[in-house]
Protein backbone atom coordinates (compact mmCIF):
# COMPACT_ATOMS: atom_id res chain seq x y z
CA MET A 1 121.26 43.21 88.07
CA SER A 2 119.79 39.95 86.94
CA LYS A 3 119.56 38.93 83.39
CA THR A 4 115.89 37.46 82.31
CA LEU A 5 116.71 34.03 80.38
CA ASP A 6 114.85 33.79 77.39
CA ILE A 7 112.71 30.44 77.34
CA ASP A 8 113.75 29.47 74.42
CA ASP A 9 117.22 29.58 75.76
CA ARG A 10 116.56 27.45 78.46
CA GLU A 11 119.45 24.33 78.92
CA ARG A 12 117.91 21.18 79.09
CA ASN A 13 118.36 18.96 82.14
CA VAL A 14 118.91 22.60 84.49
CA PHE A 15 117.29 23.99 87.23
CA TYR A 16 115.88 27.30 87.23
CA ILE A 17 115.02 29.31 90.22
CA ASP A 18 114.40 33.00 89.62
CA ALA A 19 116.77 35.07 91.57
CA ARG A 20 113.72 37.36 92.83
CA GLU A 21 112.92 33.70 94.43
CA PHE A 22 115.68 34.73 97.27
CA ASN A 23 114.94 37.98 98.88
CA LYS A 24 114.36 37.67 102.68
CA SER A 25 109.80 37.04 103.28
CA LYS A 26 108.54 38.99 106.08
CA SER A 27 109.80 35.22 108.05
CA GLY A 28 113.17 36.06 107.07
CA TYR A 29 113.35 33.10 105.44
CA ASP A 30 113.58 32.93 102.00
CA ARG A 31 111.49 30.81 99.46
CA GLY A 32 114.69 29.53 97.23
CA THR A 33 116.85 28.85 99.82
CA GLY A 34 113.92 26.47 101.70
CA VAL A 35 113.52 25.23 97.58
CA LEU A 36 117.60 24.81 97.26
CA GLU A 37 117.75 23.13 100.95
CA TYR A 38 115.45 20.46 100.20
CA PHE A 39 116.77 19.66 96.89
CA TYR A 40 119.56 18.69 98.40
CA ASP A 41 117.91 16.04 100.71
CA PHE A 42 115.92 14.72 97.85
CA GLN A 43 119.39 14.24 95.81
CA LYS A 44 120.60 11.77 98.63
CA SER A 45 117.22 10.10 98.62
CA ASN A 46 115.55 7.18 97.73
CA ARG A 47 112.39 8.56 96.51
CA LYS A 48 110.63 8.68 93.21
CA PHE A 49 112.81 10.43 90.26
CA ALA A 50 115.77 11.51 93.15
CA LYS A 51 118.36 9.70 90.74
CA ASP A 52 117.11 11.59 87.88
CA PHE A 53 118.51 14.22 90.00
CA LYS A 54 121.65 13.02 91.87
CA LYS A 55 124.30 14.37 89.37
CA TYR A 56 123.37 17.74 89.28
CA ASP A 57 125.36 20.81 91.80
CA GLU A 58 126.36 25.07 90.97
CA SER A 59 126.91 24.06 87.42
CA ASN A 60 123.14 22.92 86.88
CA ILE A 61 121.56 24.86 89.26
CA VAL A 62 121.42 28.51 87.80
CA THR A 63 119.81 31.10 90.32
CA ASN A 64 121.82 34.02 89.20
CA LYS A 65 119.05 35.58 86.32
CA ASN A 66 114.80 35.90 86.26
CA LEU A 67 112.34 34.23 84.13
CA PRO A 68 110.28 35.95 82.23
CA ILE A 69 107.15 34.36 84.03
CA GLY A 70 107.18 31.70 87.29
CA ASP A 71 109.25 31.07 89.84
CA TYR A 72 111.22 27.82 89.13
CA LEU A 73 111.70 25.98 85.04
CA HIS A 74 113.35 22.89 84.36
CA ASN A 75 113.14 21.02 81.47
CA ASP A 76 109.43 21.39 80.14
CA VAL A 77 107.79 22.29 83.34
CA CYS A 78 107.30 26.06 84.72
CA VAL A 79 105.50 26.44 88.08
CA GLU A 80 104.79 30.04 89.53
CA VAL A 81 104.56 29.77 93.46
CA LYS A 82 101.97 32.05 95.45
CA GLU A 83 101.51 32.68 98.52
CA TYR A 84 98.57 32.56 101.26
CA ARG A 85 100.82 34.20 103.85
CA THR A 86 102.61 37.12 102.93
CA GLY A 87 99.35 38.71 101.01
CA ASP A 88 101.01 37.67 97.43
CA LEU A 89 98.35 35.00 96.64
CA MET A 90 95.46 38.25 97.67
CA ASP A 91 97.15 40.84 96.38
CA SER A 92 98.02 39.07 92.76
CA ILE A 93 93.90 38.23 92.86
CA ARG A 94 93.32 42.00 93.38
CA GLY A 95 95.70 43.24 91.60
CA LYS A 96 95.19 41.56 88.36
CA ARG A 97 98.58 40.12 87.96
CA LEU A 98 97.62 36.85 88.41
CA ALA A 99 95.08 36.59 85.45
CA THR A 100 98.04 38.15 83.44
CA GLN A 101 100.92 35.57 84.86
CA SER A 102 97.92 32.40 84.57
CA HIS A 103 97.74 33.65 80.62
CA GLU A 104 101.76 33.56 79.66
CA LEU A 105 102.52 30.16 81.82
CA PHE A 106 99.47 29.06 78.73
CA LYS A 107 101.30 30.78 76.09
CA LEU A 108 104.46 29.17 77.00
CA ARG A 109 103.14 25.73 75.71
CA ASN A 110 102.31 27.75 72.19
CA ARG A 111 104.34 26.04 69.76
CA GLU A 112 103.80 28.73 67.36
CA LEU A 113 105.10 30.86 69.43
CA TYR A 114 107.99 29.65 71.13
CA GLU A 115 110.26 27.07 68.96
CA HIS A 116 110.99 24.47 72.59
CA PRO A 117 107.64 25.70 74.17
CA LEU A 118 106.75 23.64 77.41
CA ARG A 119 104.66 21.15 78.39
CA ASP A 120 103.72 21.77 81.76
CA CYS A 121 102.96 25.34 83.60
CA ARG A 122 101.10 25.69 86.37
CA ILE A 123 100.30 27.82 89.14
CA LEU A 124 100.69 26.28 92.87
CA VAL A 125 99.02 28.00 95.74
CA MET A 126 101.20 27.83 99.46
CA THR A 127 98.55 27.80 102.13
CA ASP A 128 97.46 26.61 105.61
CA GLY A 129 94.44 25.75 107.32
CA ASP A 130 93.32 28.82 108.47
CA GLY A 131 94.23 30.47 104.78
CA PHE A 132 92.10 27.72 103.06
CA GLU A 133 89.03 28.64 104.85
CA HIS A 134 89.27 32.23 103.98
CA ILE A 135 90.26 31.20 99.86
CA LYS A 136 86.83 29.17 100.49
CA ASN A 137 84.91 31.30 101.83
CA SER A 138 86.38 34.26 99.96
CA PRO A 139 84.37 34.98 96.56
CA ASP A 140 86.13 37.05 94.25
CA VAL A 141 89.07 34.90 95.80
CA TYR A 142 88.00 31.62 95.10
CA LYS A 143 86.36 32.29 91.63
CA GLY A 144 89.25 33.88 90.28
CA LEU A 145 91.60 30.93 91.39
CA LEU A 146 88.56 29.07 89.17
CA ASN A 147 88.78 31.48 86.34
CA PHE A 148 92.70 30.96 85.98
CA GLY A 149 92.15 26.95 86.37
CA GLY A 150 90.39 27.31 82.84
CA GLU A 151 93.89 28.07 81.58
CA THR A 152 96.36 27.39 84.15
CA PRO A 153 96.32 24.42 86.62
CA VAL A 154 95.99 25.20 89.80
CA ASP A 155 97.36 22.97 92.74
CA TYR A 156 97.09 23.82 96.48
CA VAL A 157 100.52 23.31 99.31
CA ASN A 158 100.43 23.27 102.66
CA TYR A 159 103.36 24.70 104.17
CA THR A 160 105.99 22.51 106.22
CA ASN A 161 105.41 22.70 110.43
CA MET A 162 108.35 24.91 111.04
CA TYR A 163 108.88 24.16 114.62
CA THR A 164 109.47 20.61 114.02
CA ASN A 165 111.46 20.45 110.49
CA GLY A 166 113.06 24.34 110.06
CA ASN A 167 112.15 24.60 106.83
CA PRO A 168 108.30 25.61 105.43
CA TYR A 169 109.21 24.85 102.13
CA GLU A 170 109.56 21.49 102.17
CA HIS A 171 105.98 20.22 101.09
CA LEU A 172 107.23 22.88 98.16
CA GLY A 173 110.38 21.35 97.53
CA ASP A 174 108.33 17.09 97.12
CA SER A 175 105.92 18.74 94.71
CA LEU A 176 108.55 20.55 92.52
CA MET A 177 111.05 17.52 92.04
CA HIS A 178 107.79 15.88 91.87
CA LEU A 179 106.28 17.81 88.31
CA PHE A 180 110.13 18.31 86.87
CA GLY A 181 110.46 14.31 87.68
CA MET A 182 106.94 14.06 85.03
CA ASN A 183 107.90 16.00 82.84
CA GLY A 184 104.91 17.10 81.91
CA SER A 185 103.77 13.46 80.58
CA GLN A 186 100.60 13.37 82.54
CA ILE A 187 99.46 16.55 80.69
CA GLY A 188 96.90 15.45 78.35
CA ARG A 189 94.82 13.25 79.63
CA GLN A 190 92.01 15.14 80.00
CA SER A 191 90.62 18.61 78.02
CA HIS A 192 90.99 22.25 78.80
CA VAL A 193 88.42 23.61 76.34
CA SER A 194 86.16 21.59 78.68
CA MET A 195 87.01 23.23 81.89
CA ILE A 196 86.44 26.88 80.17
CA LYS A 197 83.43 25.62 78.60
CA ASN A 198 81.68 24.10 82.01
CA THR A 199 79.46 26.54 83.80
CA ASN A 200 79.38 24.29 87.20
CA PRO A 201 81.65 26.13 88.82
CA ALA A 202 82.55 23.60 91.39
CA ILE A 203 83.71 21.04 87.75
CA THR A 204 86.21 23.94 87.04
CA GLY A 205 87.27 23.35 90.28
CA LEU A 206 87.42 19.71 90.52
CA LEU A 207 89.15 19.58 87.01
CA SER A 208 91.42 21.78 87.75
CA LEU A 209 92.86 19.81 90.25
CA ASP A 210 94.24 17.78 87.30
CA THR A 211 93.01 13.94 88.98
CA MET A 212 89.86 12.92 87.71
CA ASN A 213 88.54 13.55 84.02
CA SER A 214 85.27 15.91 82.84
CA SER A 215 83.27 12.46 83.37
CA GLU A 216 84.60 11.61 86.86
CA CYS A 217 84.15 15.30 87.95
CA LYS A 218 80.85 15.96 86.75
CA LYS A 219 79.90 12.52 88.51
CA VAL A 220 80.65 13.49 91.75
CA CYS A 221 79.62 17.42 91.85
CA ASP A 222 76.23 15.61 90.54
CA GLY A 223 75.67 13.30 92.76
CA GLU A 224 76.78 15.07 95.80
CA GLY A 225 75.36 18.18 94.61
CA PHE A 226 78.66 20.39 94.34
CA THR A 227 77.29 23.55 92.56
CA THR A 228 79.77 25.98 94.30
CA TRP A 229 83.97 25.94 95.22
CA SER A 230 83.70 26.17 98.73
CA GLN A 231 80.82 23.01 98.65
CA ILE A 232 84.07 20.53 97.83
CA PRO A 233 86.71 21.34 100.99
CA ASP A 234 84.09 21.65 103.28
CA ILE A 235 83.43 18.03 102.67
CA LEU A 236 85.92 16.80 100.89
CA ILE A 237 88.83 17.42 102.54
CA ASN A 238 87.18 18.55 106.45
CA PRO A 239 88.06 15.91 109.11
CA LYS A 240 84.69 14.23 109.92
CA THR A 241 86.04 12.54 113.01
CA ASP A 242 87.99 13.81 116.34
CA GLU A 243 91.82 12.52 114.84
CA GLU A 244 91.57 14.95 112.28
CA ASP A 245 91.64 12.84 109.29
CA TYR A 246 90.17 12.48 105.63
CA VAL A 247 88.66 9.26 105.42
CA TYR A 248 85.51 10.85 104.34
CA GLY A 249 86.23 12.43 101.91
CA TYR A 250 88.34 9.58 100.46
CA ASN A 251 85.09 7.36 100.87
CA LEU A 252 83.16 9.37 98.77
CA LEU A 253 85.16 9.77 96.59
CA LEU A 254 85.26 6.51 95.51
CA LYS A 255 81.61 6.12 94.61
CA TYR A 256 83.11 8.14 91.69
CA THR A 257 86.47 7.29 90.71
CA THR A 258 89.48 4.39 91.29
CA PRO A 259 91.14 4.45 94.84
CA LYS A 260 94.94 5.66 93.18
CA LYS A 261 92.52 9.20 91.97
CA ALA A 262 90.96 9.52 94.88
CA GLU A 263 94.15 9.30 96.86
CA LYS A 264 95.15 12.16 94.88
CA THR A 265 92.70 14.30 94.80
CA ILE A 266 92.58 14.35 98.25
CA SER A 267 96.37 15.06 98.32
CA LYS A 268 96.18 18.28 95.90
CA MET A 269 93.80 19.18 98.19
CA THR A 270 95.34 18.89 101.28
CA GLY A 271 98.86 19.37 100.53
CA ILE A 272 100.12 16.33 101.96
CA PRO A 273 102.06 13.30 100.22
CA ILE A 274 99.77 10.40 99.91
CA LYS A 275 101.59 8.42 102.54
CA TRP A 276 101.16 10.45 105.49
CA LEU A 277 97.38 10.89 104.66
CA HIS A 278 96.69 6.80 105.84
CA LEU A 279 93.84 6.91 103.93
CA LYS A 280 93.03 2.55 103.39
CA ASP A 281 92.78 0.11 106.17
């Protein structure tokens, strides 16, 4: 049986993957292996933050311990992953488990509880087009995610097409490397208190993406008449042309925020890296 890591005992510059991430899924592909495969390819690339991980090997990649909360941990960042396809997301929401996990992630940042608190703790929801459509049309699901977003940011990541890449977890691996590379440096730009107190779920949903400040999110929702979370993906990322691009949503956001923030918002909502979105002419 794998031992459980004490968060305060974590070592610096060590990549922890919860041992349970290597359990085979229904597809026969375990998530931990998929993330590691991407990580080794990432090390050899010229992508942002890759140089920070080039010297990592078996000596500082730990896969034989359980994490007390979360699935992936590196320095001051902890990430919990929920998958739509496996039923884990839906079961966690309806069984109240995700509410508990969200609160535990939130507490990891508390300096009164931990000698070495974390800076960035978040939930990554893995889904695809059908899954996202179901989430935004299921009030119990999207309201549940919005509630958790008040304490712990919730982001969305697309599955990678297995028929073209063979590894469905490449986008997840890419998101993890980006979060680990930043190591929480982006945290603090917005107040999570404003997310909790806000009464418009559409504003709360945009805030949980952590791409725009509260004033910008309010302007978007007030200007476009957004009052529910489900309206936002309907307008911003449902393709408006036969070419199935996301330029319409990007251009809409430009009325209220900067090009960089608009790009990040569309990227977060689709799970597609900015460079693959082709949002600018």
